[in-house]
PDB file of all heavy atoms in Angstrom:
ATOM      1  N   ASP A   1     -12.525  -1.056  -3.327  1.00  0.00           N
ATOM      2  CA  ASP A   1     -12.351  -0.220  -4.518  1.00  0.00           C
ATOM      3  C   ASP A   1     -10.958   0.407  -4.508  1.00  0.00           C
ATOM      4  O   ASP A   1     -10.425   0.755  -3.437  1.00  0.00           O
ATOM      5  CB  ASP A   1     -13.399   0.885  -4.569  1.00  0.00           C
ATOM      6  CG  ASP A   1     -14.787   0.355  -4.916  1.00  0.00           C
ATOM      7  OD1 ASP A   1     -14.877  -0.820  -5.316  1.00  0.00           O
ATOM      8  OD2 ASP A   1     -15.764   1.095  -4.773  1.00  0.00           O
ATOM      9  N   TYR A   2     -10.404   0.559  -5.705  1.00  0.00           N
ATOM     10  CA  TYR A   2      -9.041   1.099  -5.840  1.00  0.00           C
ATOM     11  C   TYR A   2      -9.040   2.284  -6.787  1.00  0.00           C
ATOM     12  O   TYR A   2      -9.703   2.267  -7.833  1.00  0.00           O
ATOM     13  CB  TYR A   2      -8.100   0.015  -6.368  1.00  0.00           C
ATOM     14  CG  TYR A   2      -6.734   0.530  -6.776  1.00  0.00           C
ATOM     15  CD1 TYR A   2      -5.820   0.967  -5.822  1.00  0.00           C
ATOM     16  CD2 TYR A   2      -6.360   0.590  -8.121  1.00  0.00           C
ATOM     17  CE1 TYR A   2      -4.569   1.444  -6.191  1.00  0.00           C
ATOM     18  CE2 TYR A   2      -5.102   1.065  -8.498  1.00  0.00           C
ATOM     19  CZ  TYR A   2      -4.216   1.487  -7.524  1.00  0.00           C
ATOM     20  OH  TYR A   2      -2.986   1.958  -7.893  1.00  0.00           O
ATOM     21  N   SER A   3      -8.259   3.314  -6.417  1.00  0.00           N
ATOM     22  CA  SER A   3      -8.090   4.487  -7.268  1.00  0.00           C
ATOM     23  C   SER A   3      -6.598   4.741  -7.444  1.00  0.00           C
ATOM     24  O   SER A   3      -5.886   4.959  -6.461  1.00  0.00           O
ATOM     25  CB  SER A   3      -8.755   5.713  -6.642  1.00  0.00           C
ATOM     26  OG  SER A   3      -8.530   6.865  -7.429  1.00  0.00           O
ATOM     27  N   GLN A   4      -6.138   4.687  -8.686  1.00  0.00           N
ATOM     28  CA  GLN A   4      -4.722   4.940  -8.966  1.00  0.00           C
ATOM     29  C   GLN A   4      -4.482   6.439  -9.006  1.00  0.00           C
ATOM     30  O   GLN A   4      -5.107   7.171  -9.760  1.00  0.00           O
ATOM     31  CB  GLN A   4      -4.318   4.310 -10.298  1.00  0.00           C
ATOM     32  CG  GLN A   4      -2.849   4.539 -10.653  1.00  0.00           C
ATOM     33  CD  GLN A   4      -2.448   3.856 -11.942  1.00  0.00           C
ATOM     34  OE1 GLN A   4      -3.032   2.857 -12.335  1.00  0.00           O
ATOM     35  NE2 GLN A   4      -1.432   4.395 -12.607  1.00  0.00           N
ATOM     36  N   ARG A   5      -3.537   6.896  -8.174  1.00  0.00           N
ATOM     37  CA  ARG A   5      -3.221   8.322  -8.099  1.00  0.00           C
ATOM     38  C   ARG A   5      -1.708   8.492  -8.219  1.00  0.00           C
ATOM     39  O   ARG A   5      -0.951   8.092  -7.333  1.00  0.00           O
ATOM     40  CB  ARG A   5      -3.692   8.912  -6.763  1.00  0.00           C
ATOM     41  CG  ARG A   5      -5.140   8.618  -6.420  1.00  0.00           C
ATOM     42  CD  ARG A   5      -6.092   9.314  -7.352  1.00  0.00           C
ATOM     43  NE  ARG A   5      -6.226  10.724  -7.038  1.00  0.00           N
ATOM     44  CZ  ARG A   5      -7.116  11.520  -7.622  1.00  0.00           C
ATOM     45  NH1 ARG A   5      -7.935  11.043  -8.561  1.00  0.00           N
ATOM     46  NH2 ARG A   5      -7.188  12.778  -7.300  1.00  0.00           N
ATOM     47  N   GLU A   6      -1.259   9.033  -9.328  1.00  0.00           N
ATOM     48  CA  GLU A   6       0.165   9.280  -9.529  1.00  0.00           C
ATOM     49  C   GLU A   6       0.483  10.700  -9.075  1.00  0.00           C
ATOM     50  O   GLU A   6      -0.156  11.661  -9.508  1.00  0.00           O
ATOM     51  CB  GLU A   6       0.543   9.069 -10.986  1.00  0.00           C
ATOM     52  CG  GLU A   6       0.252   7.661 -11.498  1.00  0.00           C
ATOM     53  CD  GLU A   6       0.912   6.564 -10.680  1.00  0.00           C
ATOM     54  OE1 GLU A   6       1.968   6.833 -10.050  1.00  0.00           O
ATOM     55  OE2 GLU A   6       0.385   5.434 -10.656  1.00  0.00           O
ATOM     56  N   VAL A   7       1.472  10.834  -8.211  1.00  0.00           N
ATOM     57  CA  VAL A   7       1.730  12.124  -7.558  1.00  0.00           C
ATOM     58  C   VAL A   7       3.151  12.631  -7.811  1.00  0.00           C
ATOM     59  O   VAL A   7       3.627  13.520  -7.105  1.00  0.00           O
ATOM     60  CB  VAL A   7       1.469  12.017  -6.038  1.00  0.00           C
ATOM     61  CG1 VAL A   7      -0.003  11.753  -5.769  1.00  0.00           C
ATOM     62  CG2 VAL A   7       2.332  10.924  -5.404  1.00  0.00           C
ATOM     63  N   GLY A   8       3.830  12.079  -8.812  1.00  0.00           N
ATOM     64  CA  GLY A   8       5.146  12.592  -9.154  1.00  0.00           C
ATOM     65  C   GLY A   8       6.295  11.998  -8.382  1.00  0.00           C
ATOM     66  O   GLY A   8       7.420  12.517  -8.444  1.00  0.00           O
ATOM     67  N   VAL A   9       6.049  10.914  -7.650  1.00  0.00           N
ATOM     68  CA  VAL A   9       7.094  10.220  -6.894  1.00  0.00           C
ATOM     69  C   VAL A   9       7.158   8.777  -7.389  1.00  0.00           C
ATOM     70  O   VAL A   9       6.144   8.082  -7.370  1.00  0.00           O
ATOM     71  CB  VAL A   9       6.806  10.248  -5.378  1.00  0.00           C
ATOM     72  CG1 VAL A   9       7.883   9.470  -4.611  1.00  0.00           C
ATOM     73  CG2 VAL A   9       6.718  11.687  -4.875  1.00  0.00           C
ATOM     74  N   PRO A  10       8.313   8.295  -7.840  1.00  0.00           N
ATOM     75  CA  PRO A  10       8.390   6.930  -8.376  1.00  0.00           C
ATOM     76  C   PRO A  10       8.226   5.881  -7.284  1.00  0.00           C
ATOM     77  O   PRO A  10       8.730   6.043  -6.171  1.00  0.00           O
ATOM     78  CB  PRO A  10       9.790   6.860  -8.985  1.00  0.00           C
ATOM     79  CG  PRO A  10      10.581   7.885  -8.238  1.00  0.00           C
ATOM     80  CD  PRO A  10       9.613   8.985  -7.917  1.00  0.00           C
ATOM     81  N   VAL A  11       7.509   4.829  -7.610  1.00  0.00           N
ATOM     82  CA  VAL A  11       7.259   3.767  -6.634  1.00  0.00           C
ATOM     83  C   VAL A  11       7.756   2.439  -7.197  1.00  0.00           C
ATOM     84  O   VAL A  11       7.856   2.247  -8.408  1.00  0.00           O
ATOM     85  CB  VAL A  11       5.765   3.673  -6.272  1.00  0.00           C
ATOM     86  CG1 VAL A  11       5.307   4.914  -5.540  1.00  0.00           C
ATOM     87  CG2 VAL A  11       4.906   3.425  -7.514  1.00  0.00           C
ATOM     88  N   GLY A  12       8.059   1.523  -6.293  1.00  0.00           N
ATOM     89  CA  GLY A  12       8.573   0.222  -6.710  1.00  0.00           C
ATOM     90  C   GLY A  12       8.271  -0.841  -5.678  1.00  0.00           C
ATOM     91  O   GLY A  12       7.634  -0.594  -4.644  1.00  0.00           O
ATOM     92  N   PHE A  13       8.759  -2.035  -5.954  1.00  0.00           N
ATOM     93  CA  PHE A  13       8.549  -3.166  -5.038  1.00  0.00           C
ATOM     94  C   PHE A  13       9.349  -2.936  -3.758  1.00  0.00           C
ATOM     95  O   PHE A  13      10.546  -2.659  -3.788  1.00  0.00           O
ATOM     96  CB  PHE A  13       8.985  -4.469  -5.699  1.00  0.00           C
ATOM     97  CG  PHE A  13       8.169  -4.830  -6.908  1.00  0.00           C
ATOM     98  CD1 PHE A  13       8.772  -4.989  -8.144  1.00  0.00           C
ATOM     99  CD2 PHE A  13       6.803  -5.004  -6.815  1.00  0.00           C
ATOM    100  CE1 PHE A  13       8.020  -5.323  -9.267  1.00  0.00           C
ATOM    101  CE2 PHE A  13       6.043  -5.328  -7.922  1.00  0.00           C
ATOM    102  CZ  PHE A  13       6.657  -5.497  -9.151  1.00  0.00           C
ATOM    103  N   TRP A  14       8.675  -3.080  -2.638  1.00  0.00           N
ATOM    104  CA  TRP A  14       9.288  -2.841  -1.331  1.00  0.00           C
ATOM    105  C   TRP A  14       8.956  -4.044  -0.447  1.00  0.00           C
ATOM    106  O   TRP A  14       7.855  -4.180   0.041  1.00  0.00           O
ATOM    107  CB  TRP A  14       8.727  -1.548  -0.725  1.00  0.00           C
ATOM    108  CG  TRP A  14       9.406  -0.999   0.497  1.00  0.00           C
ATOM    109  CD1 TRP A  14      10.410  -0.090   0.546  1.00  0.00           C
ATOM    110  CD2 TRP A  14       9.097  -1.303   1.872  1.00  0.00           C
ATOM    111  NE1 TRP A  14      10.745   0.192   1.850  1.00  0.00           N
ATOM    112  CE2 TRP A  14       9.958  -0.544   2.675  1.00  0.00           C
ATOM    113  CE3 TRP A  14       8.182  -2.166   2.482  1.00  0.00           C
ATOM    114  CZ2 TRP A  14       9.920  -0.605   4.076  1.00  0.00           C
ATOM    115  CZ3 TRP A  14       8.154  -2.234   3.865  1.00  0.00           C
ATOM    116  CH2 TRP A  14       9.013  -1.454   4.651  1.00  0.00           C
ATOM    117  N   ARG A  15       9.905  -4.958  -0.359  1.00  0.00           N
ATOM    118  CA  ARG A  15       9.769  -6.135   0.493  1.00  0.00           C
ATOM    119  C   ARG A  15       8.479  -6.894   0.183  1.00  0.00           C
ATOM    120  O   ARG A  15       8.326  -7.447  -0.892  1.00  0.00           O
ATOM    121  CB  ARG A  15       9.906  -5.717   1.951  1.00  0.00           C
ATOM    122  CG  ARG A  15      11.273  -5.074   2.201  1.00  0.00           C
ATOM    123  CD  ARG A  15      11.448  -4.588   3.605  1.00  0.00           C
ATOM    124  NE  ARG A  15      11.475  -5.689   4.545  1.00  0.00           N
ATOM    125  CZ  ARG A  15      12.179  -5.669   5.665  1.00  0.00           C
ATOM    126  NH1 ARG A  15      12.930  -4.632   5.947  1.00  0.00           N
ATOM    127  NH2 ARG A  15      12.152  -6.675   6.488  1.00  0.00           N
ATOM    128  N   SER A  16       7.515  -6.916   1.084  1.00  0.00           N
ATOM    129  CA  SER A  16       6.295  -7.710   0.832  1.00  0.00           C
ATOM    130  C   SER A  16       5.261  -6.950   0.012  1.00  0.00           C
ATOM    131  O   SER A  16       4.090  -7.331  -0.028  1.00  0.00           O
ATOM    132  CB  SER A  16       5.672  -8.153   2.161  1.00  0.00           C
ATOM    133  OG  SER A  16       5.407  -7.038   2.990  1.00  0.00           O
ATOM    134  N   VAL A  17       5.707  -5.870  -0.638  1.00  0.00           N
ATOM    135  CA  VAL A  17       4.901  -5.067  -1.567  1.00  0.00           C
ATOM    136  C   VAL A  17       3.637  -4.561  -0.853  1.00  0.00           C
ATOM    137  O   VAL A  17       3.751  -3.928   0.185  1.00  0.00           O
ATOM    138  CB  VAL A  17       4.581  -5.863  -2.852  1.00  0.00           C
ATOM    139  CG1 VAL A  17       4.179  -4.908  -3.976  1.00  0.00           C
ATOM    140  CG2 VAL A  17       5.802  -6.673  -3.317  1.00  0.00           C
ATOM    141  N   GLY A  18       2.445  -4.848  -1.363  1.00  0.00           N
ATOM    142  CA  GLY A  18       1.228  -4.289  -0.766  1.00  0.00           C
ATOM    143  C   GLY A  18       0.950  -4.781   0.639  1.00  0.00           C
ATOM    144  O   GLY A  18       0.383  -4.057   1.468  1.00  0.00           O
ATOM    145  N   HIS A  19       1.347  -6.016   0.926  1.00  0.00           N
ATOM    146  CA  HIS A  19       1.069  -6.579   2.245  1.00  0.00           C
ATOM    147  C   HIS A  19       1.680  -5.739   3.372  1.00  0.00           C
ATOM    148  O   HIS A  19       1.131  -5.682   4.476  1.00  0.00           O
ATOM    149  CB  HIS A  19       1.627  -7.998   2.332  1.00  0.00           C
ATOM    150  CG  HIS A  19       0.859  -9.003   1.529  1.00  0.00           C
ATOM    151  ND1 HIS A  19      -0.323  -9.574   1.971  1.00  0.00           N
ATOM    152  CD2 HIS A  19       1.102  -9.539   0.313  1.00  0.00           C
ATOM    153  CE1 HIS A  19      -0.769 -10.425   1.055  1.00  0.00           C
ATOM    154  NE2 HIS A  19       0.063 -10.414   0.042  1.00  0.00           N
ATOM    155  N   SER A  20       2.828  -5.117   3.113  1.00  0.00           N
ATOM    156  CA  SER A  20       3.545  -4.418   4.191  1.00  0.00           C
ATOM    157  C   SER A  20       2.702  -3.312   4.809  1.00  0.00           C
ATOM    158  O   SER A  20       2.757  -3.088   6.017  1.00  0.00           O
ATOM    159  CB  SER A  20       4.856  -3.845   3.662  1.00  0.00           C
ATOM    160  OG  SER A  20       4.615  -2.837   2.701  1.00  0.00           O
ATOM    161  N   GLY A  21       1.935  -2.611   3.986  1.00  0.00           N
ATOM    162  CA  GLY A  21       1.075  -1.562   4.527  1.00  0.00           C
ATOM    163  C   GLY A  21      -0.336  -2.019   4.777  1.00  0.00           C
ATOM    164  O   GLY A  21      -0.973  -1.629   5.766  1.00  0.00           O
ATOM    165  N   ASN A  22      -0.846  -2.885   3.901  1.00  0.00           N
ATOM    166  CA  ASN A  22      -2.239  -3.313   4.022  1.00  0.00           C
ATOM    167  C   ASN A  22      -2.484  -4.145   5.271  1.00  0.00           C
ATOM    168  O   ASN A  22      -3.579  -4.113   5.837  1.00  0.00           O
ATOM    169  CB  ASN A  22      -2.658  -4.087   2.769  1.00  0.00           C
ATOM    170  CG  ASN A  22      -2.654  -3.204   1.535  1.00  0.00           C
ATOM    171  OD1 ASN A  22      -2.632  -1.981   1.630  1.00  0.00           O
ATOM    172  ND2 ASN A  22      -2.652  -3.820   0.361  1.00  0.00           N
ATOM    173  N   ALA A  23      -1.485  -4.902   5.694  1.00  0.00           N
ATOM    174  CA  ALA A  23      -1.640  -5.681   6.931  1.00  0.00           C
ATOM    175  C   ALA A  23      -1.853  -4.755   8.121  1.00  0.00           C
ATOM    176  O   ALA A  23      -2.651  -5.053   9.020  1.00  0.00           O
ATOM    177  CB  ALA A  23      -0.408  -6.562   7.153  1.00  0.00           C
ATOM    178  N   ILE A  24      -1.143  -3.617   8.128  1.00  0.00           N
ATOM    179  CA  ILE A  24      -1.300  -2.646   9.212  1.00  0.00           C
ATOM    180  C   ILE A  24      -2.724  -2.105   9.227  1.00  0.00           C
ATOM    181  O   ILE A  24      -3.363  -2.003  10.294  1.00  0.00           O
ATOM    182  CB  ILE A  24      -0.291  -1.494   9.046  1.00  0.00           C
ATOM    183  CG1 ILE A  24       1.136  -2.015   9.186  1.00  0.00           C
ATOM    184  CG2 ILE A  24      -0.564  -0.378  10.040  1.00  0.00           C
ATOM    185  CD1 ILE A  24       2.196  -1.004   8.818  1.00  0.00           C
ATOM    186  N   VAL A  25      -3.243  -1.775   8.045  1.00  0.00           N
ATOM    187  CA  VAL A  25      -4.589  -1.215   7.963  1.00  0.00           C
ATOM    188  C   VAL A  25      -5.629  -2.234   8.409  1.00  0.00           C
ATOM    189  O   VAL A  25      -6.499  -1.940   9.246  1.00  0.00           O
ATOM    190  CB  VAL A  25      -4.876  -0.745   6.523  1.00  0.00           C
ATOM    191  CG1 VAL A  25      -6.336  -0.324   6.375  1.00  0.00           C
ATOM    192  CG2 VAL A  25      -3.951   0.402   6.146  1.00  0.00           C
ATOM    193  N   VAL A  26      -5.566  -3.438   7.857  1.00  0.00           N
ATOM    194  CA  VAL A  26      -6.568  -4.457   8.175  1.00  0.00           C
ATOM    195  C   VAL A  26      -6.540  -4.794   9.661  1.00  0.00           C
ATOM    196  O   VAL A  26      -7.585  -4.827  10.332  1.00  0.00           O
ATOM    197  CB  VAL A  26      -6.337  -5.726   7.333  1.00  0.00           C
ATOM    198  CG1 VAL A  26      -7.204  -6.878   7.845  1.00  0.00           C
ATOM    199  CG2 VAL A  26      -6.641  -5.451   5.864  1.00  0.00           C
ATOM    200  N   GLU A  27      -5.348  -5.031  10.201  1.00  0.00           N
ATOM    201  CA  GLU A  27      -5.264  -5.435  11.609  1.00  0.00           C
ATOM    202  C   GLU A  27      -5.629  -4.291  12.556  1.00  0.00           C
ATOM    203  O   GLU A  27      -6.193  -4.516  13.624  1.00  0.00           O
ATOM    204  CB  GLU A  27      -3.862  -5.961  11.918  1.00  0.00           C
ATOM    205  CG  GLU A  27      -3.575  -7.312  11.287  1.00  0.00           C
ATOM    206  CD  GLU A  27      -4.553  -8.375  11.775  1.00  0.00           C
ATOM    207  OE1 GLU A  27      -4.387  -8.884  12.887  1.00  0.00           O
ATOM    208  OE2 GLU A  27      -5.513  -8.682  11.031  1.00  0.00           O
ATOM    209  N   SER A  28      -5.337  -3.058  12.170  1.00  0.00           N
ATOM    210  CA  SER A  28      -5.760  -1.915  12.992  1.00  0.00           C
ATOM    211  C   SER A  28      -7.282  -1.806  13.015  1.00  0.00           C
ATOM    212  O   SER A  28      -7.891  -1.551  14.068  1.00  0.00           O
ATOM    213  CB  SER A  28      -5.145  -0.619  12.464  1.00  0.00           C
ATOM    214  OG  SER A  28      -3.741  -0.654  12.549  1.00  0.00           O
ATOM    215  N   MET A  29      -7.900  -2.013  11.842  1.00  0.00           N
ATOM    216  CA  MET A  29      -9.357  -1.946  11.777  1.00  0.00           C
ATOM    217  C   MET A  29      -9.988  -3.080  12.571  1.00  0.00           C
ATOM    218  O   MET A  29     -11.008  -2.889  13.263  1.00  0.00           O
ATOM    219  CB  MET A  29      -9.808  -2.002  10.320  1.00  0.00           C
ATOM    220  CG  MET A  29     -11.295  -1.729  10.128  1.00  0.00           C
ATOM    221  SD  MET A  29     -11.723  -0.042  10.628  1.00  0.00           S
ATOM    222  CE  MET A  29     -13.475  -0.006  10.264  1.00  0.00           C
ATOM    223  N   VAL A  30      -9.404  -4.260  12.504  1.00  0.00           N
ATOM    224  CA  VAL A  30      -9.934  -5.391  13.279  1.00  0.00           C
ATOM    225  C   VAL A  30      -9.856  -5.082  14.771  1.00  0.00           C
ATOM    226  O   VAL A  30     -10.776  -5.413  15.539  1.00  0.00           O
ATOM    227  CB  VAL A  30      -9.177  -6.686  12.930  1.00  0.00           C
ATOM    228  CG1 VAL A  30      -9.538  -7.807  13.897  1.00  0.00           C
ATOM    229  CG2 VAL A  30      -9.490  -7.120  11.501  1.00  0.00           C
TER     230      VAL A  30
END
């Protein structure tokens, strides 16, 4: 599930986009 939360800080494409952080989460959980 996803919840969009805008907090007043602009965001953009950063290298591998979502994979860059999500890989850390998934592999840490594994």
